[in-house]
Amino acid sequence: MIGQKIINIMSEIEAIPKTELDEEKNYKFAKSEEIIAMVKPLLVKYKVIILPVKVMNFTTQGNKVFITMKYQFIDIDDPNKDAIEVEVSGSGFDEKGRAVYAALTGAYRYAMQEVFAIPIVDEIKDNNTDNESDNNLNSEVNENQENNNLENEDIDNMSQDDIDKLFYSDIV
């Protein structure tokens, strides 16, 4: 069931804009808090929990910390507590001793971002524009959504083994 619950959560995820600017490195990014705020109510709704299982790797380099974490995404409704495990890296830099926490937050964020395929975009376009290119893009999106709806119906009729093969074929 965890595969189906992940699909359900993915279907309700919205794009998250890059709103923060790292002036030192001159790039924009989405805040971890925004990703967590998007995912948390969906985890509650679909009764999925994310647990840190193990620190797979931990290294330091001065004020930098690099970790690799293993997380479990667990279906708490399933009597067998069906789960998937993912390993993700995180890093942090801080002169005041908070680098470990930054690395943990980064790993947690990327675990959610990757498992739920959360789109991070430069900006969210205003849908009220009459621009021809926007209309063409909206037509393409609508067409893709119609195609995806057919695929979602197919997924609803899939066995758990087929869903597992779909999600985990590259892992096993």
Protein backbone atom coordinates (compact mmCIF):
# COMPACT_ATOMS: atom_id res chain seq x y z
CA MET A 1 0.00 0.00 0.00
CA ILE A 2 2.88 2.45 0.51
CA GLY A 3 3.32 2.75 -3.26
CA GLN A 4 -0.32 3.76 -3.71
CA LYS A 5 -0.10 6.23 -0.83
CA ILE A 6 2.98 7.82 -2.36
CA ILE A 7 1.08 8.21 -5.64
CA ASN A 8 -1.84 9.78 -3.75
CA ILE A 9 0.46 12.28 -2.07
CA MET A 10 2.26 13.02 -5.35
CA SER A 11 -1.10 13.79 -6.99
CA GLU A 12 -1.74 16.57 -4.46
CA ILE A 13 1.74 18.12 -4.42
CA GLU A 14 2.08 21.58 -5.95
CA ALA A 15 5.16 23.27 -7.30
CA ILE A 16 7.18 25.18 -4.74
CA PRO A 17 8.88 28.38 -5.88
CA LYS A 18 12.46 29.31 -5.16
CA THR A 19 11.95 32.28 -2.84
CA GLU A 20 15.28 32.52 -1.03
CA LEU A 21 18.56 33.87 -2.37
CA ASP A 22 22.00 32.70 -1.30
CA GLU A 23 23.83 35.96 -2.00
CA GLU A 24 27.27 34.46 -1.42
CA LYS A 25 26.81 31.75 -4.05
CA ASN A 26 24.26 33.73 -6.11
CA TYR A 27 21.51 31.14 -6.47
CA LYS A 28 17.86 30.92 -5.50
CA PHE A 29 16.36 28.02 -3.57
CA ALA A 30 13.14 26.82 -1.97
CA LYS A 31 13.04 26.83 1.82
CA SER A 32 12.92 23.47 3.57
CA GLU A 33 10.08 24.82 5.72
CA GLU A 34 7.91 25.28 2.62
CA ILE A 35 8.50 21.70 1.49
CA ILE A 36 7.72 20.35 4.95
CA ALA A 37 4.60 22.54 5.19
CA MET A 38 3.37 21.18 1.84
CA VAL A 39 4.00 17.52 2.69
CA LYS A 40 3.03 17.31 6.38
CA PRO A 41 -0.77 17.58 5.98
CA LEU A 42 -0.65 15.01 3.17
CA LEU A 43 1.32 12.60 5.36
CA VAL A 44 -1.36 12.96 8.02
CA LYS A 45 -4.18 12.63 5.49
CA TYR A 46 -2.78 9.43 3.96
CA LYS A 47 -1.34 8.05 7.23
CA VAL A 48 2.27 7.85 6.15
CA ILE A 49 5.15 8.54 8.50
CA ILE A 50 8.77 9.26 7.72
CA LEU A 51 11.28 7.96 10.22
CA PRO A 52 15.03 8.47 10.26
CA VAL A 53 16.45 4.97 10.49
CA LYS A 54 20.20 5.35 10.46
CA VAL A 55 23.06 7.72 9.81
CA MET A 56 24.86 5.91 7.00
CA ASN A 57 27.80 8.29 6.75
CA PHE A 58 29.01 11.29 8.77
CA THR A 59 32.07 13.36 7.96
CA THR A 60 33.28 16.80 8.87
CA GLN A 61 35.56 19.25 7.15
CA GLY A 62 36.17 22.25 9.35
CA ASN A 63 32.77 23.91 9.83
CA LYS A 64 31.15 21.68 7.18
CA VAL A 65 29.21 18.51 7.92
CA PHE A 66 28.28 15.86 5.35
CA ILE A 67 25.83 13.08 6.18
CA THR A 68 23.98 10.32 4.43
CA MET A 69 20.71 9.37 6.11
CA LYS A 70 18.43 6.39 5.66
CA TYR A 71 14.71 7.13 6.03
CA GLN A 72 11.69 4.85 6.04
CA PHE A 73 8.37 5.93 4.54
CA ILE A 74 5.84 3.75 6.36
CA ASP A 75 2.17 3.02 5.68
CA ILE A 76 0.78 2.94 9.21
CA ASP A 77 -2.59 1.53 8.03
CA ASP A 78 -0.96 -1.63 6.73
CA PRO A 79 -0.87 -4.37 9.39
CA ASN A 80 2.66 -5.25 8.22
CA LYS A 81 3.71 -1.58 8.23
CA ASP A 82 4.64 -1.67 4.53
CA ALA A 83 7.58 0.69 3.94
CA ILE A 84 10.23 1.85 1.55
CA GLU A 85 13.70 2.98 2.52
CA VAL A 86 15.65 5.76 0.88
CA GLU A 87 19.18 7.03 1.42
CA VAL A 88 19.87 10.72 0.86
CA SER A 89 22.76 13.04 1.51
CA GLY A 90 22.73 16.33 3.33
CA SER A 91 25.34 18.93 4.14
CA GLY A 92 25.60 21.92 6.39
CA PHE A 93 27.98 24.76 7.07
CA ASP A 94 27.93 26.93 10.15
CA GLU A 95 30.46 28.59 12.40
CA LYS A 96 28.13 28.51 15.42
CA GLY A 97 27.74 24.73 15.76
CA ARG A 98 24.49 24.25 13.83
CA ALA A 99 25.97 22.51 10.79
CA VAL A 100 24.73 19.07 11.90
CA TYR A 101 21.16 20.35 12.11
CA ALA A 102 21.42 21.99 8.70
CA ALA A 103 22.69 18.71 7.23
CA LEU A 104 19.85 16.75 8.87
CA THR A 105 17.25 19.23 7.60
CA GLY A 106 18.73 19.06 4.11
CA ALA A 107 18.64 15.27 4.05
CA TYR A 108 15.04 15.19 5.31
CA ARG A 109 14.00 17.77 2.72
CA TYR A 110 15.63 15.87 -0.14
CA ALA A 111 14.10 12.58 0.98
CA MET A 112 10.63 14.12 0.66
CA GLN A 113 11.50 16.02 -2.50
CA GLU A 114 12.73 12.90 -4.27
CA VAL A 115 10.13 10.38 -3.07
CA PHE A 116 7.17 12.68 -3.77
CA ALA A 117 8.71 14.24 -6.92
CA ILE A 118 8.16 17.76 -5.62
CA PRO A 119 8.75 20.29 -8.40
CA ILE A 120 10.91 23.24 -7.36
CA VAL A 121 10.46 26.11 -9.81
CA ASP A 122 12.03 29.52 -10.34
CA GLU A 123 8.63 31.17 -10.13
CA ILE A 124 4.97 30.31 -10.28
CA LYS A 125 3.30 31.87 -13.28
CA ASP A 126 0.11 33.87 -12.92
CA ASN A 127 -2.66 31.91 -14.63
CA ASN A 128 -4.64 35.09 -15.35
CA THR A 129 -2.44 36.19 -18.24
CA ASP A 130 -3.78 36.26 -21.79
CA ASN A 131 -0.37 35.66 -23.31
CA GLU A 132 -0.51 33.24 -26.24
CA SER A 133 2.48 31.21 -25.01
CA ASP A 134 0.81 30.78 -21.62
CA ASN A 135 -2.35 29.56 -23.33
CA ASN A 136 -0.31 27.06 -25.36
CA LEU A 137 1.43 25.88 -22.21
CA ASN A 138 -1.92 25.52 -20.42
CA SER A 139 -3.24 23.47 -23.35
CA GLU A 140 -0.23 21.17 -23.12
CA VAL A 141 -0.64 20.84 -19.35
CA ASN A 142 -4.35 20.02 -19.74
CA GLU A 143 -3.58 17.45 -22.41
CA ASN A 144 -0.89 15.88 -20.22
CA GLN A 145 -3.26 15.84 -17.24
CA GLU A 146 -5.90 14.02 -19.33
CA ASN A 147 -3.27 11.45 -20.32
CA ASN A 148 -2.14 11.16 -16.69
CA ASN A 149 -5.73 10.60 -15.55
CA LEU A 150 -5.88 7.56 -17.78
CA GLU A 151 -2.61 6.37 -16.30
CA ASN A 152 -3.89 6.99 -12.76
CA GLU A 153 -6.95 4.85 -13.51
CA ASP A 154 -4.59 2.13 -14.68
CA ILE A 155 -2.57 2.50 -11.47
CA ASP A 156 -5.75 2.18 -9.38
CA ASN A 157 -6.28 -1.24 -10.96
CA MET A 158 -2.69 -2.41 -10.46
CA SER A 159 -1.73 -5.04 -7.92
CA GLN A 160 0.65 -4.11 -5.12
CA ASP A 161 3.38 -6.19 -6.81
CA ASP A 162 2.95 -4.20 -10.03
CA ILE A 163 3.11 -0.89 -8.11
CA ASP A 164 6.24 -2.06 -6.31
CA LYS A 165 7.85 -2.99 -9.65
CA LEU A 166 6.94 0.44 -11.02
CA PHE A 167 8.55 2.27 -8.09
CA TYR A 168 11.35 0.00 -7.04
CA SER A 169 12.59 -1.64 -10.24
CA ASP A 170 15.73 0.50 -10.23
CA ILE A 171 16.42 -0.08 -6.53
CA VAL A 172 16.32 -3.86 -6.41
